[in-house]
């Protein structure tokens, strides 16, 4: 647990485990604590870095940069930790941070997992039509209704409450988030030209980023892969943690980022769905 001073602000981060470095960037409703179902597992075989975007959790944003400071903050953190390359796992809002950073500094990235997100990416006419409809239909929903699937909330009220409690420590939410990741969005074709593997993961019941839109974009990213989770809303990492973790671990091994040991996978023969 530590903080990095960036101008007038403090960026909170944690480092767990040893091995190839993985950096997890949370979404709008989360902070470093939201990854609790990933850290304990992944840190068995990798070095896992979590942090709070400025204005979230324990990080400040006195400069009021919002998204405009996310990418430079991430670079400052990676430089501070003296990491040559990292695997970026970006969820929703954090996906925009990871995508934009990966496009600007591809030499610092050994893999990119885009979870439940198209933030920071250009939308063609077909994708924009789907996304504009989704944005309009979800604009007035509560944060919890936006990010968790209806069935998950009904069947897991304690976890839904935990999500809300973790989110409550943020100073920033969708009503006051400012700034933008970069002056120009990244084209899917350009993202796929870099020399690192890319995996999209998405819930099939996501109402913020409909699966049809994510499929369309993924098809435009050369040599990328996609994993879909059924009976799952916008927060696959939270709703389907075992499947999410196993998908990430398989991706890491495919990218030849060997774990320190082989016991990290769940070794599940199959998954039980509601």
C-alpha atoms as a PDB file:
ATOM      1  CA  UNK A   1       0.000   0.000   0.000  1.00  0.00           C
ATOM      2  CA  UNK A   2       1.592   3.249  -1.114  1.00  0.00           C
ATOM      3  CA  UNK A   3       0.965   6.571  -2.794  1.00  0.00           C
ATOM      4  CA  UNK A   4       2.720   8.297  -5.658  1.00  0.00           C
ATOM      5  CA  UNK A   5       2.821  12.088  -5.717  1.00  0.00           C
ATOM      6  CA  UNK A   6       1.818  13.547  -9.086  1.00  0.00           C
ATOM      7  CA  UNK A   7       1.734  17.332  -9.007  1.00  0.00           C
ATOM      8  CA  UNK A   8      -0.742  18.338  -6.288  1.00  0.00           C
ATOM      9  CA  UNK A   9      -2.274  14.882  -6.135  1.00  0.00           C
ATOM     10  CA  UNK A  10      -1.686  11.469  -4.604  1.00  0.00           C
ATOM     11  CA  UNK A  11      -2.169   8.264  -6.606  1.00  0.00           C
ATOM     12  CA  UNK A  12      -2.872   5.248  -4.408  1.00  0.00           C
ATOM     13  CA  UNK A  13      -1.617   1.806  -5.475  1.00  0.00           C
ATOM     14  CA  UNK A  14      -0.908  -1.676  -4.153  1.00  0.00           C
ATOM     15  CA  UNK A  15       1.504  -4.397  -5.309  1.00  0.00           C
ATOM     16  CA  UNK A  16       0.840  -8.058  -4.564  1.00  0.00           C
ATOM     17  CA  UNK A  17       2.802 -11.186  -5.478  1.00  0.00           C
ATOM     18  CA  UNK A  18       5.771 -11.758  -7.748  1.00  0.00           C
ATOM     19  CA  UNK A  19       6.296 -12.601 -11.406  1.00  0.00           C
ATOM     20  CA  UNK A  20       5.230 -11.018 -14.670  1.00  0.00           C
ATOM     21  CA  UNK A  21       3.476  -7.714 -13.845  1.00  0.00           C
ATOM     22  CA  UNK A  22      -0.271  -7.344 -14.342  1.00  0.00           C
ATOM     23  CA  UNK A  23      -1.873  -3.935 -13.864  1.00  0.00           C
ATOM     24  CA  UNK A  24      -5.624  -3.758 -13.229  1.00  0.00           C
ATOM     25  CA  UNK A  25      -7.523  -0.548 -14.054  1.00  0.00           C
ATOM     26  CA  UNK A  26     -10.971  -0.333 -12.441  1.00  0.00           C
ATOM     27  CA  UNK A  27     -14.228   1.049 -13.789  1.00  0.00           C
ATOM     28  CA  UNK A  28     -16.380   4.014 -12.805  1.00  0.00           C
ATOM     29  CA  UNK A  29     -18.121   2.221  -9.944  1.00  0.00           C
ATOM     30  CA  UNK A  30     -14.962   0.722  -8.526  1.00  0.00           C
ATOM     31  CA  UNK A  31     -11.536   1.410  -7.094  1.00  0.00           C
ATOM     32  CA  UNK A  32      -8.581  -0.782  -6.152  1.00  0.00           C
ATOM     33  CA  UNK A  33     -10.722  -2.786  -3.701  1.00  0.00           C
ATOM     34  CA  UNK A  34     -13.179  -3.952  -6.362  1.00  0.00           C
ATOM     35  CA  UNK A  35     -10.569  -6.452  -7.634  1.00  0.00           C
ATOM     36  CA  UNK A  36     -10.573  -8.524  -4.443  1.00  0.00           C
ATOM     37  CA  UNK A  37     -11.718 -11.645  -6.340  1.00  0.00           C
ATOM     38  CA  UNK A  38      -8.812 -11.297  -8.777  1.00  0.00           C
ATOM     39  CA  UNK A  39      -5.878 -10.226  -6.601  1.00  0.00           C
ATOM     40  CA  UNK A  40      -5.876 -13.212  -4.246  1.00  0.00           C
ATOM     41  CA  UNK A  41      -5.875 -15.624  -7.188  1.00  0.00           C
ATOM     42  CA  UNK A  42      -3.572 -13.896  -9.665  1.00  0.00           C
ATOM     43  CA  UNK A  43      -0.943 -12.985  -7.057  1.00  0.00           C
ATOM     44  CA  UNK A  44      -0.208 -16.689  -6.572  1.00  0.00           C
ATOM     45  CA  UNK A  45       1.680 -16.640  -9.860  1.00  0.00           C
ATOM     46  CA  UNK A  46       2.061 -13.034 -11.033  1.00  0.00           C
ATOM     47  CA  UNK A  47       2.856  -9.588  -9.696  1.00  0.00           C
ATOM     48  CA  UNK A  48      -0.513  -7.837  -9.432  1.00  0.00           C
ATOM     49  CA  UNK A  49      -0.776  -4.050  -9.301  1.00  0.00           C
ATOM     50  CA  UNK A  50      -4.021  -2.288  -8.461  1.00  0.00           C
ATOM     51  CA  UNK A  51      -4.538   1.445  -8.154  1.00  0.00           C
ATOM     52  CA  UNK A  52      -7.184   4.116  -7.745  1.00  0.00           C
ATOM     53  CA  UNK A  53      -7.760   6.403 -10.709  1.00  0.00           C
ATOM     54  CA  UNK A  54      -7.519  10.055  -9.647  1.00  0.00           C
ATOM     55  CA  UNK A  55     -10.703  11.053  -7.818  1.00  0.00           C
ATOM     56  CA  UNK A  56     -11.483   7.452  -6.868  1.00  0.00           C
ATOM     57  CA  UNK A  57     -10.839   5.538  -3.656  1.00  0.00           C
ATOM     58  CA  UNK A  58      -7.729   6.843  -1.918  1.00  0.00           C
ATOM     59  CA  UNK A  59      -6.475   8.936  -4.866  1.00  0.00           C
ATOM     60  CA  UNK A  60      -7.051  12.666  -5.068  1.00  0.00           C
ATOM     61  CA  UNK A  61      -7.819  14.921  -8.018  1.00  0.00           C
ATOM     62  CA  UNK A  62      -7.211  18.427  -6.730  1.00  0.00           C
ATOM     63  CA  UNK A  63      -6.144  19.367 -10.272  1.00  0.00           C
ATOM     64  CA  UNK A  64      -9.598  18.305 -11.514  1.00  0.00           C
ATOM     65  CA  UNK A  65      -8.186  16.572 -14.560  1.00  0.00           C
ATOM     66  CA  UNK A  66     -10.497  13.564 -14.485  1.00  0.00           C
ATOM     67  CA  UNK A  67      -9.978  11.293 -17.490  1.00  0.00           C
ATOM     68  CA  UNK A  68      -7.501  13.779 -18.952  1.00  0.00           C
ATOM     69  CA  UNK A  69      -4.994  12.687 -16.290  1.00  0.00           C
ATOM     70  CA  UNK A  70      -5.627   8.929 -16.351  1.00  0.00           C
ATOM     71  CA  UNK A  71      -3.079   7.942 -19.000  1.00  0.00           C
ATOM     72  CA  UNK A  72      -0.255  10.155 -17.723  1.00  0.00           C
ATOM     73  CA  UNK A  73      -0.970   8.876 -14.190  1.00  0.00           C
ATOM     74  CA  UNK A  74      -0.677   5.307 -15.426  1.00  0.00           C
ATOM     75  CA  UNK A  75       2.630   6.016 -17.126  1.00  0.00           C
ATOM     76  CA  UNK A  76       3.930   7.724 -13.993  1.00  0.00           C
ATOM     77  CA  UNK A  77       3.006   4.665 -11.932  1.00  0.00           C
ATOM     78  CA  UNK A  78       4.611   2.198 -14.357  1.00  0.00           C
ATOM     79  CA  UNK A  79       7.758   4.351 -14.480  1.00  0.00           C
ATOM     80  CA  UNK A  80       7.795   4.655 -10.688  1.00  0.00           C
ATOM     81  CA  UNK A  81       7.639   0.876 -10.312  1.00  0.00           C
ATOM     82  CA  UNK A  82      10.422   0.563 -12.908  1.00  0.00           C
ATOM     83  CA  UNK A  83       8.448  -1.856 -15.030  1.00  0.00           C
ATOM     84  CA  UNK A  84       9.663  -2.317 -18.583  1.00  0.00           C
ATOM     85  CA  UNK A  85       6.394  -3.870 -19.754  1.00  0.00           C
ATOM     86  CA  UNK A  86       3.056  -4.729 -18.171  1.00  0.00           C
ATOM     87  CA  UNK A  87      -0.121  -6.585 -19.018  1.00  0.00           C
ATOM     88  CA  UNK A  88      -3.011  -4.131 -18.820  1.00  0.00           C
ATOM     89  CA  UNK A  89      -6.438  -5.313 -17.693  1.00  0.00           C
ATOM     90  CA  UNK A  90      -8.920  -2.487 -18.092  1.00  0.00           C
ATOM     91  CA  UNK A  91     -12.549  -2.759 -17.026  1.00  0.00           C
ATOM     92  CA  UNK A  92     -15.141  -0.322 -18.453  1.00  0.00           C
ATOM     93  CA  UNK A  93     -13.738   3.159 -17.669  1.00  0.00           C
ATOM     94  CA  UNK A  94     -10.388   1.542 -16.951  1.00  0.00           C
ATOM     95  CA  UNK A  95     -10.590  -0.015 -20.399  1.00  0.00           C
ATOM     96  CA  UNK A  96     -10.358   3.473 -21.858  1.00  0.00           C
ATOM     97  CA  UNK A  97      -7.266   4.133 -19.757  1.00  0.00           C
ATOM     98  CA  UNK A  98      -5.657   0.862 -20.821  1.00  0.00           C
ATOM     99  CA  UNK A  99      -6.560   1.191 -24.515  1.00  0.00           C
ATOM    100  CA  UNK A 100      -5.309   4.753 -24.783  1.00  0.00           C
ATOM    101  CA  UNK A 101      -2.092   4.003 -22.900  1.00  0.00           C
ATOM    102  CA  UNK A 102      -1.458   0.891 -25.011  1.00  0.00           C
ATOM    103  CA  UNK A 103      -1.840   2.884 -28.211  1.00  0.00           C
ATOM    104  CA  UNK A 104       0.407   5.716 -27.029  1.00  0.00           C
ATOM    105  CA  UNK A 105       3.074   3.525 -25.404  1.00  0.00           C
ATOM    106  CA  UNK A 106       2.894   0.119 -27.122  1.00  0.00           C
ATOM    107  CA  UNK A 107       6.494  -0.644 -26.224  1.00  0.00           C
ATOM    108  CA  UNK A 108       5.466  -0.750 -22.538  1.00  0.00           C
ATOM    109  CA  UNK A 109       2.656  -3.291 -23.048  1.00  0.00           C
ATOM    110  CA  UNK A 110       3.010  -7.081 -23.147  1.00  0.00           C
ATOM    111  CA  UNK A 111      -0.727  -7.790 -23.362  1.00  0.00           C
ATOM    112  CA  UNK A 112      -4.080  -6.001 -23.266  1.00  0.00           C
ATOM    113  CA  UNK A 113      -7.327  -7.346 -21.829  1.00  0.00           C
ATOM    114  CA  UNK A 114     -10.326  -5.118 -22.557  1.00  0.00           C
ATOM    115  CA  UNK A 115     -13.117  -6.016 -20.159  1.00  0.00           C
ATOM    116  CA  UNK A 116     -16.691  -4.821 -20.786  1.00  0.00           C
ATOM    117  CA  UNK A 117     -15.506  -1.701 -22.573  1.00  0.00           C
ATOM    118  CA  UNK A 118     -15.157   0.221 -25.809  1.00  0.00           C
ATOM    119  CA  UNK A 119     -14.029   3.451 -24.128  1.00  0.00           C
ATOM    120  CA  UNK A 120     -11.340   5.284 -26.046  1.00  0.00           C
ATOM    121  CA  UNK A 121     -12.099   3.462 -29.304  1.00  0.00           C
ATOM    122  CA  UNK A 122     -13.580   4.916 -32.459  1.00  0.00           C
ATOM    123  CA  UNK A 123     -17.116   3.782 -33.279  1.00  0.00           C
ATOM    124  CA  UNK A 124     -18.145   3.254 -36.875  1.00  0.00           C
ATOM    125  CA  UNK A 125     -21.727   3.998 -37.926  1.00  0.00           C
ATOM    126  CA  UNK A 126     -23.063   0.546 -37.012  1.00  0.00           C
ATOM    127  CA  UNK A 127     -21.396   0.489 -33.608  1.00  0.00           C
ATOM    128  CA  UNK A 128     -22.395   4.092 -32.884  1.00  0.00           C
ATOM    129  CA  UNK A 129     -26.042   3.290 -33.599  1.00  0.00           C
ATOM    130  CA  UNK A 130     -26.019   0.459 -31.054  1.00  0.00           C
ATOM    131  CA  UNK A 131     -24.070   2.456 -28.501  1.00  0.00           C
ATOM    132  CA  UNK A 132     -26.172   5.623 -28.844  1.00  0.00           C
ATOM    133  CA  UNK A 133     -29.286   3.559 -28.128  1.00  0.00           C
ATOM    134  CA  UNK A 134     -27.631   1.937 -25.107  1.00  0.00           C
ATOM    135  CA  UNK A 135     -26.429   5.290 -23.775  1.00  0.00           C
ATOM    136  CA  UNK A 136     -29.914   6.763 -24.042  1.00  0.00           C
ATOM    137  CA  UNK A 137     -31.598   3.766 -22.407  1.00  0.00           C
ATOM    138  CA  UNK A 138     -29.184   3.606 -19.455  1.00  0.00           C
ATOM    139  CA  UNK A 139     -28.656   7.316 -18.809  1.00  0.00           C
ATOM    140  CA  UNK A 140     -31.115   7.524 -15.915  1.00  0.00           C
ATOM    141  CA  UNK A 141     -30.353   4.190 -14.282  1.00  0.00           C
ATOM    142  CA  UNK A 142     -28.600   3.943 -10.929  1.00  0.00           C
ATOM    143  CA  UNK A 143     -24.956   2.901 -10.917  1.00  0.00           C
ATOM    144  CA  UNK A 144     -25.843  -0.545  -9.555  1.00  0.00           C
ATOM    145  CA  UNK A 145     -28.500  -1.140 -12.209  1.00  0.00           C
ATOM    146  CA  UNK A 146     -26.013  -0.127 -14.889  1.00  0.00           C
ATOM    147  CA  UNK A 147     -23.138  -2.332 -13.867  1.00  0.00           C
ATOM    148  CA  UNK A 148     -24.636  -5.566 -12.497  1.00  0.00           C
ATOM    149  CA  UNK A 149     -26.923  -7.972 -14.308  1.00  0.00           C
ATOM    150  CA  UNK A 150     -30.513  -8.163 -13.044  1.00  0.00           C
ATOM    151  CA  UNK A 151     -30.316 -11.894 -12.320  1.00  0.00           C
ATOM    152  CA  UNK A 152     -27.022 -11.498 -10.463  1.00  0.00           C
ATOM    153  CA  UNK A 153     -28.417  -8.775  -8.201  1.00  0.00           C
ATOM    154  CA  UNK A 154     -31.477 -10.851  -7.389  1.00  0.00           C
ATOM    155  CA  UNK A 155     -29.498 -13.992  -6.607  1.00  0.00           C
ATOM    156  CA  UNK A 156     -26.577 -12.271  -4.849  1.00  0.00           C
ATOM    157  CA  UNK A 157     -27.947  -9.370  -2.804  1.00  0.00           C
ATOM    158  CA  UNK A 158     -24.982  -9.434  -0.419  1.00  0.00           C
ATOM    159  CA  UNK A 159     -22.483  -9.029  -3.267  1.00  0.00           C
ATOM    160  CA  UNK A 160     -24.578  -6.301  -4.846  1.00  0.00           C
ATOM    161  CA  UNK A 161     -24.502  -4.489  -1.498  1.00  0.00           C
ATOM    162  CA  UNK A 162     -20.724  -4.966  -1.295  1.00  0.00           C
ATOM    163  CA  UNK A 163     -20.315  -3.432  -4.754  1.00  0.00           C
ATOM    164  CA  UNK A 164     -22.300  -0.397  -3.601  1.00  0.00           C
ATOM    165  CA  UNK A 165     -20.254  -0.083  -0.423  1.00  0.00           C
ATOM    166  CA  UNK A 166     -16.936  -0.203  -2.296  1.00  0.00           C
ATOM    167  CA  UNK A 167     -18.240   2.380  -4.762  1.00  0.00           C
ATOM    168  CA  UNK A 168     -19.306   4.689  -1.930  1.00  0.00           C
ATOM    169  CA  UNK A 169     -15.669   5.579  -1.164  1.00  0.00           C
ATOM    170  CA  UNK A 170     -15.252   7.324  -4.531  1.00  0.00           C
ATOM    171  CA  UNK A 171     -15.358  11.091  -4.818  1.00  0.00           C
ATOM    172  CA  UNK A 172     -16.123  10.773  -8.524  1.00  0.00           C
ATOM    173  CA  UNK A 173     -19.128   9.201 -10.227  1.00  0.00           C
ATOM    174  CA  UNK A 174     -20.884   9.466 -13.595  1.00  0.00           C
ATOM    175  CA  UNK A 175     -22.407  12.809 -12.621  1.00  0.00           C
ATOM    176  CA  UNK A 176     -19.094  14.638 -12.113  1.00  0.00           C
ATOM    177  CA  UNK A 177     -16.468  12.712 -14.098  1.00  0.00           C
ATOM    178  CA  UNK A 178     -14.669  15.173 -16.379  1.00  0.00           C
ATOM    179  CA  UNK A 179     -11.974  15.180 -19.040  1.00  0.00           C
ATOM    180  CA  UNK A 180     -11.200  12.802 -21.880  1.00  0.00           C
ATOM    181  CA  UNK A 181      -8.602  10.088 -22.391  1.00  0.00           C
ATOM    182  CA  UNK A 182      -6.957  11.755 -25.402  1.00  0.00           C
ATOM    183  CA  UNK A 183      -7.647  14.335 -28.067  1.00  0.00           C
ATOM    184  CA  UNK A 184      -8.439  11.584 -30.577  1.00  0.00           C
ATOM    185  CA  UNK A 185      -9.941   8.150 -30.088  1.00  0.00           C
ATOM    186  CA  UNK A 186      -8.052   5.031 -31.160  1.00  0.00           C
ATOM    187  CA  UNK A 187      -9.172   3.219 -34.282  1.00  0.00           C
ATOM    188  CA  UNK A 188      -9.661  -0.528 -33.757  1.00  0.00           C
ATOM    189  CA  UNK A 189      -7.467  -1.210 -36.783  1.00  0.00           C
ATOM    190  CA  UNK A 190      -4.624   0.871 -35.342  1.00  0.00           C
ATOM    191  CA  UNK A 191      -4.859  -0.833 -31.954  1.00  0.00           C
ATOM    192  CA  UNK A 192      -4.444  -4.214 -33.594  1.00  0.00           C
ATOM    193  CA  UNK A 193      -1.249  -3.198 -35.392  1.00  0.00           C
ATOM    194  CA  UNK A 194       0.803  -3.111 -32.199  1.00  0.00           C
ATOM    195  CA  UNK A 195       3.000  -6.000 -31.157  1.00  0.00           C
ATOM    196  CA  UNK A 196       1.010  -7.298 -28.191  1.00  0.00           C
ATOM    197  CA  UNK A 197      -1.945  -9.726 -27.932  1.00  0.00           C
ATOM    198  CA  UNK A 198      -5.427  -8.340 -27.276  1.00  0.00           C
ATOM    199  CA  UNK A 199      -8.345 -10.078 -25.583  1.00  0.00           C
ATOM    200  CA  UNK A 200     -11.880  -8.706 -25.293  1.00  0.00           C
ATOM    201  CA  UNK A 201     -14.096 -10.140 -22.551  1.00  0.00           C
ATOM    202  CA  UNK A 202     -17.759  -9.257 -22.189  1.00  0.00           C
ATOM    203  CA  UNK A 203     -21.010 -10.264 -20.557  1.00  0.00           C
ATOM    204  CA  UNK A 204     -23.745 -11.184 -22.995  1.00  0.00           C
ATOM    205  CA  UNK A 205     -26.320  -9.295 -20.911  1.00  0.00           C
ATOM    206  CA  UNK A 206     -24.307  -6.068 -20.643  1.00  0.00           C
ATOM    207  CA  UNK A 207     -26.649  -3.098 -21.102  1.00  0.00           C
ATOM    208  CA  UNK A 208     -23.916  -0.437 -21.154  1.00  0.00           C
ATOM    209  CA  UNK A 209     -21.839  -2.053 -23.897  1.00  0.00           C
ATOM    210  CA  UNK A 210     -24.146  -4.433 -25.769  1.00  0.00           C
ATOM    211  CA  UNK A 211     -22.430  -7.607 -26.886  1.00  0.00           C
ATOM    212  CA  UNK A 212     -23.292  -6.877 -30.520  1.00  0.00           C
ATOM    213  CA  UNK A 213     -21.231  -3.688 -30.422  1.00  0.00           C
ATOM    214  CA  UNK A 214     -18.264  -5.367 -28.749  1.00  0.00           C
ATOM    215  CA  UNK A 215     -18.332  -8.188 -31.313  1.00  0.00           C
ATOM    216  CA  UNK A 216     -18.294  -5.674 -34.158  1.00  0.00           C
ATOM    217  CA  UNK A 217     -15.337  -3.785 -32.737  1.00  0.00           C
ATOM    218  CA  UNK A 218     -13.397  -6.924 -31.875  1.00  0.00           C
ATOM    219  CA  UNK A 219     -13.733  -8.092 -35.475  1.00  0.00           C
ATOM    220  CA  UNK A 220     -12.053  -4.842 -36.548  1.00  0.00           C
ATOM    221  CA  UNK A 221      -9.021  -5.408 -34.305  1.00  0.00           C
ATOM    222  CA  UNK A 222      -6.592  -7.651 -36.219  1.00  0.00           C
ATOM    223  CA  UNK A 223      -5.564 -10.880 -34.474  1.00  0.00           C
ATOM    224  CA  UNK A 224      -7.606 -10.128 -31.336  1.00  0.00           C
ATOM    225  CA  UNK A 225      -9.714 -12.622 -29.401  1.00  0.00           C
ATOM    226  CA  UNK A 226     -13.017 -12.476 -27.552  1.00  0.00           C
ATOM    227  CA  UNK A 227     -14.453 -14.422 -24.620  1.00  0.00           C
ATOM    228  CA  UNK A 228     -18.139 -14.036 -23.809  1.00  0.00           C
ATOM    229  CA  UNK A 229     -19.840 -14.849 -20.507  1.00  0.00           C
ATOM    230  CA  UNK A 230     -23.481 -15.903 -20.597  1.00  0.00           C
ATOM    231  CA  UNK A 231     -25.941 -14.849 -17.863  1.00  0.00           C
ATOM    232  CA  UNK A 232     -23.616 -11.930 -17.123  1.00  0.00           C
ATOM    233  CA  UNK A 233     -24.025  -8.156 -17.127  1.00  0.00           C
ATOM    234  CA  UNK A 234     -21.476  -5.347 -17.350  1.00  0.00           C
ATOM    235  CA  UNK A 235     -19.119  -6.526 -14.589  1.00  0.00           C
ATOM    236  CA  UNK A 236     -17.827  -9.920 -15.685  1.00  0.00           C
ATOM    237  CA  UNK A 237     -14.894  -9.735 -13.246  1.00  0.00           C
ATOM    238  CA  UNK A 238     -17.368  -9.357 -10.362  1.00  0.00           C
ATOM    239  CA  UNK A 239     -20.244 -11.545 -11.545  1.00  0.00           C
ATOM    240  CA  UNK A 240     -18.163 -14.406 -13.005  1.00  0.00           C
ATOM    241  CA  UNK A 241     -14.819 -14.170 -11.194  1.00  0.00           C
ATOM    242  CA  UNK A 242     -13.687 -17.777 -11.707  1.00  0.00           C
ATOM    243  CA  UNK A 243     -14.402 -17.720 -15.422  1.00  0.00           C
ATOM    244  CA  UNK A 244     -12.903 -14.237 -15.733  1.00  0.00           C
ATOM    245  CA  UNK A 245      -9.714 -15.231 -13.913  1.00  0.00           C
ATOM    246  CA  UNK A 246      -9.300 -18.449 -15.885  1.00  0.00           C
ATOM    247  CA  UNK A 247      -9.812 -16.576 -19.173  1.00  0.00           C
ATOM    248  CA  UNK A 248      -7.149 -14.057 -18.185  1.00  0.00           C
ATOM    249  CA  UNK A 249      -4.735 -16.765 -17.062  1.00  0.00           C
ATOM    250  CA  UNK A 250      -5.172 -18.669 -20.334  1.00  0.00           C
ATOM    251  CA  UNK A 251      -4.576 -15.429 -22.244  1.00  0.00           C
ATOM    252  CA  UNK A 252      -1.373 -14.797 -20.299  1.00  0.00           C
ATOM    253  CA  UNK A 253      -0.020 -18.236 -21.051  1.00  0.00           C
ATOM    254  CA  UNK A 254      -0.961 -17.867 -24.720  1.00  0.00           C
ATOM    255  CA  UNK A 255       1.045 -14.636 -24.664  1.00  0.00           C
ATOM    256  CA  UNK A 256       3.974 -16.669 -23.231  1.00  0.00           C
ATOM    257  CA  UNK A 257       3.866 -14.861 -19.903  1.00  0.00           C
ATOM    258  CA  UNK A 258       4.550 -17.873 -17.767  1.00  0.00           C
ATOM    259  CA  UNK A 259       3.207 -18.039 -14.193  1.00  0.00           C
ATOM    260  CA  UNK A 260       5.567 -18.738 -11.303  1.00  0.00           C
ATOM    261  CA  UNK A 261       3.553 -21.897 -10.626  1.00  0.00           C
ATOM    262  CA  UNK A 262       0.745 -23.825 -12.296  1.00  0.00           C
ATOM    263  CA  UNK A 263      -1.639 -23.972  -9.330  1.00  0.00           C
ATOM    264  CA  UNK A 264      -3.306 -20.663 -10.086  1.00  0.00           C
ATOM    265  CA  UNK A 265      -5.972 -21.962 -12.501  1.00  0.00           C
ATOM    266  CA  UNK A 266      -9.223 -23.120 -10.930  1.00  0.00           C
ATOM    267  CA  UNK A 267      -8.987 -26.435 -12.840  1.00  0.00           C
ATOM    268  CA  UNK A 268     -12.757 -26.409 -13.059  1.00  0.00           C
ATOM    269  CA  UNK A 269     -14.108 -29.067 -15.380  1.00  0.00           C
ATOM    270  CA  UNK A 270     -17.057 -26.843 -16.108  1.00  0.00           C
ATOM    271  CA  UNK A 271     -19.003 -23.906 -14.764  1.00  0.00           C
ATOM    272  CA  UNK A 272     -22.446 -23.881 -13.181  1.00  0.00           C
ATOM    273  CA  UNK A 273     -24.833 -21.273 -14.532  1.00  0.00           C
ATOM    274  CA  UNK A 274     -28.082 -20.146 -12.884  1.00  0.00           C
END
